[in-house]
């Protein structure tokens, strides 16, 4: 099963840290990053995916949303 996560947030060190943490947890970048301006600050987004062997590796909130 593939696990999908889409990070969004201000273009700052905290956003980079969240993506970096996911990459170090075995996720891989997927597609191009997104960027927009909300009139005050730049908002960015990045999709990451990860192949998991079984349901124990799926984040709990996602498991609940999938009704697993």
C-alpha atoms as a PDB file:
ATOM      1  CA  UNK A   1       0.000   0.000   0.000  1.00  0.00           C
ATOM      2  CA  UNK A   2       1.164   3.541  -0.693  1.00  0.00           C
ATOM      3  CA  UNK A   3       0.789   6.226   1.953  1.00  0.00           C
ATOM      4  CA  UNK A   4       0.232   9.778   0.667  1.00  0.00           C
ATOM      5  CA  UNK A   5       0.918  12.988   2.570  1.00  0.00           C
ATOM      6  CA  UNK A   6       0.578  16.560   1.359  1.00  0.00           C
ATOM      7  CA  UNK A   7       2.404  19.152   3.397  1.00  0.00           C
ATOM      8  CA  UNK A   8       1.388  22.808   3.162  1.00  0.00           C
ATOM      9  CA  UNK A   9       2.497  25.855   5.049  1.00  0.00           C
ATOM     10  CA  UNK A  10       4.464  29.063   5.029  1.00  0.00           C
ATOM     11  CA  UNK A  11       7.737  28.910   3.136  1.00  0.00           C
ATOM     12  CA  UNK A  12       9.974  28.781   6.194  1.00  0.00           C
ATOM     13  CA  UNK A  13      12.356  26.540   8.103  1.00  0.00           C
ATOM     14  CA  UNK A  14       9.456  24.795   9.877  1.00  0.00           C
ATOM     15  CA  UNK A  15       7.972  23.643   6.579  1.00  0.00           C
ATOM     16  CA  UNK A  16      11.393  22.402   5.451  1.00  0.00           C
ATOM     17  CA  UNK A  17      11.824  20.550   8.755  1.00  0.00           C
ATOM     18  CA  UNK A  18       8.473  18.748   8.323  1.00  0.00           C
ATOM     19  CA  UNK A  19       9.386  17.579   4.823  1.00  0.00           C
ATOM     20  CA  UNK A  20      12.904  16.628   5.947  1.00  0.00           C
ATOM     21  CA  UNK A  21      11.498  14.555   8.820  1.00  0.00           C
ATOM     22  CA  UNK A  22       9.184  12.712   6.421  1.00  0.00           C
ATOM     23  CA  UNK A  23      12.072  11.983   4.043  1.00  0.00           C
ATOM     24  CA  UNK A  24      14.079  10.561   6.940  1.00  0.00           C
ATOM     25  CA  UNK A  25      11.068   8.369   7.860  1.00  0.00           C
ATOM     26  CA  UNK A  26      11.234   6.735   4.420  1.00  0.00           C
ATOM     27  CA  UNK A  27       8.888   8.964   2.417  1.00  0.00           C
ATOM     28  CA  UNK A  28       9.924  10.122  -1.051  1.00  0.00           C
ATOM     29  CA  UNK A  29       9.150  13.368  -2.834  1.00  0.00           C
ATOM     30  CA  UNK A  30       6.377  13.013  -5.381  1.00  0.00           C
ATOM     31  CA  UNK A  31       5.780  15.539  -8.123  1.00  0.00           C
ATOM     32  CA  UNK A  32       6.753  19.160  -8.134  1.00  0.00           C
ATOM     33  CA  UNK A  33       6.332  21.474  -5.150  1.00  0.00           C
ATOM     34  CA  UNK A  34       3.554  24.065  -5.276  1.00  0.00           C
ATOM     35  CA  UNK A  35       3.805  27.715  -4.350  1.00  0.00           C
ATOM     36  CA  UNK A  36       1.325  30.552  -4.034  1.00  0.00           C
ATOM     37  CA  UNK A  37       1.146  33.991  -2.467  1.00  0.00           C
ATOM     38  CA  UNK A  38      -1.766  34.807  -0.168  1.00  0.00           C
ATOM     39  CA  UNK A  39      -1.200  38.557  -0.219  1.00  0.00           C
ATOM     40  CA  UNK A  40       1.053  38.487   2.816  1.00  0.00           C
ATOM     41  CA  UNK A  41       3.317  35.454   2.644  1.00  0.00           C
ATOM     42  CA  UNK A  42       4.404  32.640   0.352  1.00  0.00           C
ATOM     43  CA  UNK A  43       2.586  29.340   0.954  1.00  0.00           C
ATOM     44  CA  UNK A  44       4.217  26.139  -0.305  1.00  0.00           C
ATOM     45  CA  UNK A  45       3.155  22.524  -0.660  1.00  0.00           C
ATOM     46  CA  UNK A  46       4.859  19.211  -1.299  1.00  0.00           C
ATOM     47  CA  UNK A  47       3.538  15.693  -1.723  1.00  0.00           C
ATOM     48  CA  UNK A  48       5.453  12.765  -0.263  1.00  0.00           C
ATOM     49  CA  UNK A  49       4.652   9.065  -0.621  1.00  0.00           C
ATOM     50  CA  UNK A  50       5.834   5.875   1.042  1.00  0.00           C
ATOM     51  CA  UNK A  51       5.305   2.200   0.254  1.00  0.00           C
ATOM     52  CA  UNK A  52       4.294   0.316   3.409  1.00  0.00           C
ATOM     53  CA  UNK A  53       4.298  -3.437   3.881  1.00  0.00           C
ATOM     54  CA  UNK A  54       1.365  -3.648   6.288  1.00  0.00           C
ATOM     55  CA  UNK A  55      -1.235  -1.574   8.110  1.00  0.00           C
ATOM     56  CA  UNK A  56       0.957  -1.120  11.206  1.00  0.00           C
ATOM     57  CA  UNK A  57       3.049   1.411   9.255  1.00  0.00           C
ATOM     58  CA  UNK A  58       0.056   3.580   8.305  1.00  0.00           C
ATOM     59  CA  UNK A  59      -0.386   6.702  10.490  1.00  0.00           C
ATOM     60  CA  UNK A  60      -3.325   6.243  12.880  1.00  0.00           C
ATOM     61  CA  UNK A  61      -5.371   9.190  11.572  1.00  0.00           C
ATOM     62  CA  UNK A  62      -5.079   7.922   8.009  1.00  0.00           C
ATOM     63  CA  UNK A  63      -5.982   4.403   9.133  1.00  0.00           C
ATOM     64  CA  UNK A  64      -9.161   5.766  10.721  1.00  0.00           C
ATOM     65  CA  UNK A  65     -10.049   7.766   7.599  1.00  0.00           C
ATOM     66  CA  UNK A  66      -9.581   4.640   5.473  1.00  0.00           C
ATOM     67  CA  UNK A  67     -11.708   2.606   7.911  1.00  0.00           C
ATOM     68  CA  UNK A  68      -8.936   0.014   8.309  1.00  0.00           C
END
